[in-house]
Protein backbone atom coordinates (compact mmCIF):
# COMPACT_ATOMS: atom_id res chain seq x y z
CA MET A 1 3.85 -11.56 -16.76
CA LYS A 2 5.64 -8.29 -17.84
CA VAL A 3 4.13 -4.91 -17.65
CA THR A 4 4.18 -1.97 -20.01
CA LYS A 5 3.77 1.29 -18.40
CA TYR A 6 2.75 4.18 -19.94
CA ASP A 7 1.58 7.89 -19.38
CA HIS A 8 -0.22 8.30 -16.42
CA ALA A 9 -2.78 5.36 -15.64
CA CYS A 10 -2.96 3.16 -18.13
CA LEU A 11 -0.57 -0.77 -18.12
CA VAL A 12 0.18 -2.76 -20.77
CA ILE A 13 0.01 -6.84 -19.04
CA GLU A 14 1.36 -9.14 -21.22
CA GLU A 15 0.96 -12.88 -20.84
CA GLN A 16 1.72 -15.70 -23.09
CA GLN A 17 1.72 -13.65 -25.76
CA GLN A 18 -1.89 -12.36 -25.00
CA LYS A 19 -1.84 -8.45 -23.39
CA MET A 20 -4.02 -7.22 -20.86
CA VAL A 21 -4.68 -2.85 -20.79
CA ILE A 22 -5.42 -0.98 -17.31
CA ASP A 23 -7.39 2.50 -18.06
CA PRO A 24 -5.87 4.15 -21.47
CA GLY A 25 -7.52 7.73 -20.15
CA SER A 26 -6.22 11.43 -21.94
CA PHE A 27 -2.88 11.78 -20.36
CA VAL A 28 -2.23 9.21 -22.03
CA GLN A 29 0.50 10.22 -25.37
CA ALA A 30 1.66 7.49 -26.72
CA SER A 31 -0.61 6.30 -30.01
CA LEU A 32 -1.64 3.01 -28.32
CA GLU A 33 -1.85 1.66 -32.26
CA ASP A 34 0.48 -0.28 -31.78
CA ILE A 35 -1.00 -2.13 -29.28
CA THR A 36 -2.31 -5.86 -30.32
CA ASP A 37 -3.72 -9.80 -28.96
CA VAL A 38 -5.92 -7.58 -26.37
CA GLN A 39 -7.71 -9.36 -25.04
CA ALA A 40 -9.18 -7.86 -21.88
CA ILE A 41 -9.45 -3.78 -21.74
CA VAL A 42 -10.14 -2.92 -17.28
CA ILE A 43 -10.98 0.79 -16.60
CA THR A 44 -11.48 1.84 -13.10
CA HIS A 45 -13.46 4.71 -13.13
CA ILE A 46 -15.25 6.79 -15.35
CA HIS A 47 -12.61 9.45 -15.79
CA ALA A 48 -11.24 10.78 -18.15
CA ASP A 49 -7.17 9.84 -17.19
CA HIS A 50 -8.76 6.59 -16.21
CA LEU A 51 -10.49 6.26 -19.71
CA ASP A 52 -10.08 8.60 -22.53
CA GLU A 53 -13.11 7.41 -26.26
CA ASP A 54 -10.03 7.82 -28.75
CA HIS A 55 -8.06 5.28 -27.12
CA LEU A 56 -10.31 2.74 -26.15
CA GLU A 57 -11.80 3.13 -29.75
CA THR A 58 -8.52 2.60 -31.20
CA LEU A 59 -7.76 -0.04 -29.60
CA LEU A 60 -11.20 -1.90 -30.26
CA LYS A 61 -10.95 -1.19 -33.68
CA ASN A 62 -7.37 -4.00 -33.40
CA ASN A 63 -8.33 -5.76 -31.18
CA PRO A 64 -12.84 -6.27 -32.13
CA GLY A 65 -12.10 -9.21 -29.43
CA ALA A 66 -11.25 -7.60 -26.55
CA GLN A 67 -14.05 -7.03 -23.43
CA ILE A 68 -14.68 -4.57 -21.69
CA PHE A 69 -14.40 -4.78 -18.00
CA SER A 70 -15.69 -2.05 -16.15
CA THR A 71 -18.29 -0.09 -13.48
CA GLN A 72 -21.69 0.64 -13.99
CA GLU A 73 -21.10 3.83 -14.35
CA VAL A 74 -17.96 3.29 -17.04
CA ALA A 75 -21.54 1.39 -18.96
CA ASP A 76 -24.19 3.84 -19.15
CA LYS A 77 -21.04 6.66 -20.73
CA LEU A 78 -20.19 3.86 -22.89
CA ALA A 79 -23.53 3.01 -24.08
CA GLY A 80 -24.18 1.13 -27.50
CA ARG A 81 -20.43 -0.57 -25.96
CA LYS A 82 -20.90 -4.41 -24.90
CA VAL A 83 -19.22 -3.98 -21.15
CA ASN A 84 -18.57 -6.72 -17.84
CA ILE A 85 -19.49 -4.19 -15.17
CA VAL A 86 -18.10 -5.44 -11.81
CA THR A 87 -18.39 -4.47 -8.85
CA GLY A 88 -15.96 -5.52 -5.21
CA GLY A 89 -16.21 -9.83 -5.77
CA SER A 90 -16.79 -10.31 -9.32
CA GLU A 91 -13.52 -12.54 -10.45
CA ALA A 92 -13.25 -13.48 -14.44
CA THR A 93 -11.24 -15.06 -16.86
CA VAL A 94 -10.01 -14.24 -19.80
CA GLY A 95 -6.89 -15.84 -22.11
CA PRO A 96 -4.12 -16.65 -19.64
CA PHE A 97 -5.69 -13.20 -17.09
CA ALA A 98 -7.41 -13.91 -13.50
CA LEU A 99 -9.28 -11.32 -12.33
CA LYS A 100 -10.45 -10.38 -9.15
CA PHE A 101 -11.82 -7.15 -8.61
CA PHE A 102 -12.20 -5.94 -5.11
CA GLY A 103 -13.92 -1.78 -3.56
CA SER A 104 -16.58 0.21 -5.10
CA VAL A 105 -16.43 4.19 -4.93
CA HIS A 106 -13.18 6.09 -6.09
CA ALA A 107 -10.64 7.88 -3.11
CA ILE A 108 -12.66 11.35 -1.61
CA ILE A 109 -11.42 14.04 -2.87
CA HIS A 110 -13.38 16.84 -1.00
CA THR A 111 -16.49 16.16 0.71
CA SER A 112 -18.26 19.46 -2.01
CA ILE A 113 -17.92 16.49 -5.46
CA PRO A 114 -19.51 13.15 -5.67
CA ARG A 115 -18.30 10.09 -5.09
CA ILE A 116 -18.14 7.92 -7.74
CA GLN A 117 -17.54 3.91 -9.39
CA ASN A 118 -14.14 2.73 -8.73
CA VAL A 119 -12.39 -0.88 -8.75
CA GLY A 120 -9.60 -2.05 -8.31
CA VAL A 121 -8.02 -5.40 -9.83
CA LEU A 122 -5.23 -7.98 -8.73
CA VAL A 123 -4.35 -9.92 -12.14
CA ASN A 124 -3.47 -13.74 -12.08
CA ASP A 125 -2.95 -13.00 -8.17
CA THR A 126 -0.49 -10.79 -8.52
CA LEU A 127 -0.17 -7.37 -9.51
CA TYR A 128 -3.15 -4.85 -8.15
CA TYR A 129 -3.72 -1.56 -9.71
CA PRO A 130 -6.71 -0.05 -6.73
CA GLY A 131 -7.60 2.99 -9.14
CA ASP A 132 -8.38 5.37 -7.68
CA SER A 133 -8.63 3.92 -4.38
CA PHE A 134 -6.65 3.05 -1.47
CA THR A 135 -9.00 -0.79 -1.08
CA VAL A 136 -7.65 -4.10 0.66
CA PRO A 137 -7.70 -6.74 -0.52
CA ASP A 138 -8.67 -9.22 1.38
CA VAL A 139 -5.17 -11.38 -0.15
CA PRO A 140 -2.03 -11.42 -0.25
CA VAL A 141 -0.20 -8.75 -2.85
CA LYS A 142 3.02 -9.55 -4.84
CA THR A 143 3.00 -6.77 -6.35
CA LEU A 144 1.35 -3.28 -5.81
CA VAL A 145 0.66 -1.01 -8.75
CA ALA A 146 1.29 2.50 -6.65
CA PRO A 147 -1.20 5.05 -7.64
CA VAL A 148 1.54 8.05 -5.81
CA SER A 149 0.79 11.49 -7.25
CA ALA A 150 -3.44 12.55 -7.56
CA PRO A 151 -5.32 15.17 -6.10
CA TRP A 152 -7.61 12.81 -4.59
CA LEU A 153 -3.91 11.60 -1.71
CA LYS A 154 -1.52 13.12 0.11
CA ILE A 155 1.85 10.10 0.50
CA GLY A 156 1.41 9.55 4.27
CA GLU A 157 -1.72 7.57 3.01
CA VAL A 158 0.24 5.81 0.52
CA MET A 159 2.70 5.04 2.55
CA ASP A 160 0.52 3.22 5.14
CA PHE A 161 -1.08 1.44 2.08
CA VAL A 162 2.12 0.08 1.50
CA ALA A 163 2.37 -0.68 5.01
CA SER A 164 -1.48 -2.46 4.91
CA LEU A 165 -0.33 -5.53 1.64
CA LYS A 166 3.81 -5.45 2.89
CA PRO A 167 3.66 -6.42 -0.78
CA GLN A 168 6.66 -7.38 -1.89
CA LEU A 169 7.16 -5.08 -5.81
CA ILE A 170 6.13 -1.45 -5.14
CA ILE A 171 5.63 0.89 -8.80
CA PRO A 172 4.19 4.20 -8.60
CA THR A 173 1.62 4.45 -10.78
CA HIS A 174 -0.79 7.17 -11.47
CA ASN A 175 1.67 9.79 -11.55
CA ALA A 176 0.87 12.28 -14.49
CA LEU A 177 0.90 15.14 -12.25
CA ASN A 178 4.45 15.21 -11.29
CA SER A 179 7.24 16.65 -11.89
CA ALA A 180 11.40 15.32 -12.44
CA ILE A 181 11.86 16.56 -9.08
CA GLY A 182 8.31 15.29 -7.72
CA GLU A 183 9.32 11.65 -8.92
CA GLY A 184 12.40 11.57 -7.18
CA LEU A 185 11.27 13.07 -3.60
CA VAL A 186 8.36 10.20 -3.97
CA GLU A 187 10.67 8.13 -4.36
CA THR A 188 12.33 9.18 -0.67
CA ILE A 189 9.80 8.93 0.70
CA VAL A 190 7.97 6.17 -0.30
CA GLY A 191 10.74 4.23 -1.99
CA GLY A 192 12.50 4.54 2.01
CA PHE A 193 9.79 3.69 4.02
CA ALA A 194 9.45 0.64 1.13
CA LYS A 195 13.07 -0.42 2.38
CA SER A 196 12.51 0.02 6.12
CA LEU A 197 9.40 -2.65 5.51
CA GLY A 198 11.36 -5.48 2.53
CA THR A 199 9.91 -4.56 -0.20
CA THR A 200 10.81 -3.17 -3.00
CA TYR A 201 10.11 0.14 -4.84
CA LYS A 202 10.80 0.22 -8.43
CA PHE A 203 10.37 3.39 -10.90
CA ILE A 204 8.98 2.17 -14.83
CA PRO A 205 9.72 5.29 -17.50
CA VAL A 206 6.82 5.50 -19.44
CA GLY A 207 7.78 3.09 -22.41
CA GLU A 208 9.57 0.65 -19.85
CA SER A 209 8.76 -2.90 -19.38
CA ILE A 210 9.21 -5.31 -16.25
CA GLU A 211 8.51 -8.92 -15.69
CA VAL A 212 6.89 -9.56 -12.16
């Protein structure tokens, strides 16, 4: 599969010339007009940095047959749009993409802030993206797309998450809040830890792709 990194938490995954999009949120600076052949759009949760309705509208305008998969809260927000509601344990197949969903809630930001629904997604038994959570699936993960910067995480939790999964490859994401210095620090800490586990940490600049 080909994985292209967009700003922050957005990914485009391509298999057999078909695509799926994960979390087209408000931090995405690039136009999504040129993304075609989209079979599925996965939105892990309702926060704006993962769901931007203008980006979603653009994707659906150019890909009217694309299926949306998300939580009940997202479906309620997108009233009038058909949303396939998923929770941990849900599975679906769309074109060349076999999707398995894990987890149910967003990581804790603060006890004063109510937790919202969140699902992680495993694509073709290969690539796992947890959304805003550290949900550990009960199946092996080859490629982990790991959140590395957010109000709800600290770097030690990322390291524990990596250790619990021991993937072959780690791709950092959810990183719009990081400066270049911050990216380098995360790579030093998490990348060094990953290396000690026999795992590869690979930073993907926005707009670039990797085969997994």
